Amino acid sequence: MRLSDCKTKKEGIIKEILESEFDNKMLEYGIVPGVKLIVVSRAAFGGPIYIAIGAQRIAIRKKEATHIILE
């Protein structure tokens, strides 16, 4: 399942990150395979998806979230 398709309050473990121009940005945020995340909320009208990785909160554009595959 892609992160962009997840509902609010959904938990998952990152299985894979598909190649994109956002690879380095995701690495800097700690978005790497094997990390557990929670979808905190989703903005309306295709806006950002807010996720939590540990104590860190991150907003990811829907375009970027389509490259993150969860188990």
C-alpha atoms as a PDB file:
ATOM      1  CA  MET A   1       0.000   0.000   0.000  1.00  0.00           C
ATOM      2  CA  ARG A   2       1.256   3.480  -0.814  1.00  0.00           C
ATOM      3  CA  LEU A   3       1.430   6.108   1.918  1.00  0.00           C
ATOM      4  CA  SER A   4      -0.689   8.390  -0.273  1.00  0.00           C
ATOM      5  CA  ASP A   5      -3.565   5.865  -0.003  1.00  0.00           C
ATOM      6  CA  CYS A   6      -3.482   5.470   3.810  1.00  0.00           C
ATOM      7  CA  LYS A   7      -6.246   6.763   6.028  1.00  0.00           C
ATOM      8  CA  THR A   8      -5.751   8.886   9.149  1.00  0.00           C
ATOM      9  CA  LYS A   9      -4.501   6.998  12.254  1.00  0.00           C
ATOM     10  CA  LYS A  10      -3.105   4.189  10.073  1.00  0.00           C
ATOM     11  CA  GLU A  11       0.189   2.686  11.257  1.00  0.00           C
ATOM     12  CA  GLY A  12       2.679   1.022   8.996  1.00  0.00           C
ATOM     13  CA  ILE A  13       6.275   0.068   8.412  1.00  0.00           C
ATOM     14  CA  ILE A  14       8.088   1.444   5.394  1.00  0.00           C
ATOM     15  CA  LYS A  15       8.778  -1.453   3.070  1.00  0.00           C
ATOM     16  CA  GLU A  16      10.288   0.388   0.123  1.00  0.00           C
ATOM     17  CA  ILE A  17      10.918   3.857  -1.242  1.00  0.00           C
ATOM     18  CA  LEU A  18      10.583   4.071  -4.996  1.00  0.00           C
ATOM     19  CA  GLU A  19      13.206   6.041  -6.874  1.00  0.00           C
ATOM     20  CA  SER A  20      12.342   9.716  -7.242  1.00  0.00           C
ATOM     21  CA  GLU A  21      13.823  13.188  -7.020  1.00  0.00           C
ATOM     22  CA  PHE A  22      12.774  13.217  -3.342  1.00  0.00           C
ATOM     23  CA  ASP A  23      15.143  10.404  -2.224  1.00  0.00           C
ATOM     24  CA  ASN A  24      17.649  12.650  -0.443  1.00  0.00           C
ATOM     25  CA  LYS A  25      14.908  14.681   1.243  1.00  0.00           C
ATOM     26  CA  MET A  26      13.270  11.524   2.618  1.00  0.00           C
ATOM     27  CA  LEU A  27      16.610  10.226   3.869  1.00  0.00           C
ATOM     28  CA  GLU A  28      17.226  13.505   5.730  1.00  0.00           C
ATOM     29  CA  TYR A  29      13.827  13.176   7.438  1.00  0.00           C
ATOM     30  CA  GLY A  30      14.555   9.589   8.509  1.00  0.00           C
ATOM     31  CA  ILE A  31      12.062   8.104   6.069  1.00  0.00           C
ATOM     32  CA  VAL A  32      13.872   4.851   5.292  1.00  0.00           C
ATOM     33  CA  PRO A  33      12.815   1.195   4.919  1.00  0.00           C
ATOM     34  CA  GLY A  34      12.080  -0.526   8.235  1.00  0.00           C
ATOM     35  CA  VAL A  35      10.863   2.607  10.049  1.00  0.00           C
ATOM     36  CA  LYS A  36       7.427   2.587  11.700  1.00  0.00           C
ATOM     37  CA  LEU A  37       5.184   5.572  11.009  1.00  0.00           C
ATOM     38  CA  ILE A  38       1.674   6.763  11.808  1.00  0.00           C
ATOM     39  CA  VAL A  39      -0.536   8.904   9.568  1.00  0.00           C
ATOM     40  CA  VAL A  40      -1.526  11.701  11.951  1.00  0.00           C
ATOM     41  CA  SER A  41      -3.800  13.640   9.587  1.00  0.00           C
ATOM     42  CA  ARG A  42      -4.443  14.517   5.983  1.00  0.00           C
ATOM     43  CA  ALA A  43      -5.080  17.979   4.583  1.00  0.00           C
ATOM     44  CA  ALA A  44      -8.169  18.530   2.458  1.00  0.00           C
ATOM     45  CA  PHE A  45      -8.185  18.674  -1.334  1.00  0.00           C
ATOM     46  CA  GLY A  46      -5.034  16.594  -1.879  1.00  0.00           C
ATOM     47  CA  GLY A  47      -2.859  18.660   0.450  1.00  0.00           C
ATOM     48  CA  PRO A  48      -0.016  17.321   2.604  1.00  0.00           C
ATOM     49  CA  ILE A  49      -0.113  14.136   4.639  1.00  0.00           C
ATOM     50  CA  TYR A  50       1.115  14.573   8.203  1.00  0.00           C
ATOM     51  CA  ILE A  51       3.035  11.612   9.604  1.00  0.00           C
ATOM     52  CA  ALA A  52       4.762  10.797  12.878  1.00  0.00           C
ATOM     53  CA  ILE A  53       8.041   8.901  13.058  1.00  0.00           C
ATOM     54  CA  GLY A  54       8.867   8.539  16.734  1.00  0.00           C
ATOM     55  CA  ALA A  55       8.656  12.033  18.254  1.00  0.00           C
ATOM     56  CA  GLN A  56       9.167  13.719  14.876  1.00  0.00           C
ATOM     57  CA  ARG A  57       6.200  15.122  12.904  1.00  0.00           C
ATOM     58  CA  ILE A  58       6.575  15.569   9.141  1.00  0.00           C
ATOM     59  CA  ALA A  59       4.325  16.961   6.402  1.00  0.00           C
ATOM     60  CA  ILE A  60       4.751  15.200   3.075  1.00  0.00           C
ATOM     61  CA  ARG A  61       3.214  16.238  -0.220  1.00  0.00           C
ATOM     62  CA  LYS A  62       0.898  13.681  -1.762  1.00  0.00           C
ATOM     63  CA  LYS A  63       3.232  13.506  -4.782  1.00  0.00           C
ATOM     64  CA  GLU A  64       6.091  12.452  -2.471  1.00  0.00           C
ATOM     65  CA  ALA A  65       3.889  10.029  -0.519  1.00  0.00           C
ATOM     66  CA  THR A  66       3.139   8.030  -3.668  1.00  0.00           C
ATOM     67  CA  HIS A  67       6.798   6.898  -3.648  1.00  0.00           C
ATOM     68  CA  ILE A  68       6.586   5.389  -0.138  1.00  0.00           C
ATOM     69  CA  ILE A  69       5.381   1.771   0.038  1.00  0.00           C
ATOM     70  CA  LEU A  70       4.179   0.391   3.392  1.00  0.00           C
ATOM     71  CA  GLU A  71       3.860  -3.209   4.573  1.00  0.00           C
END
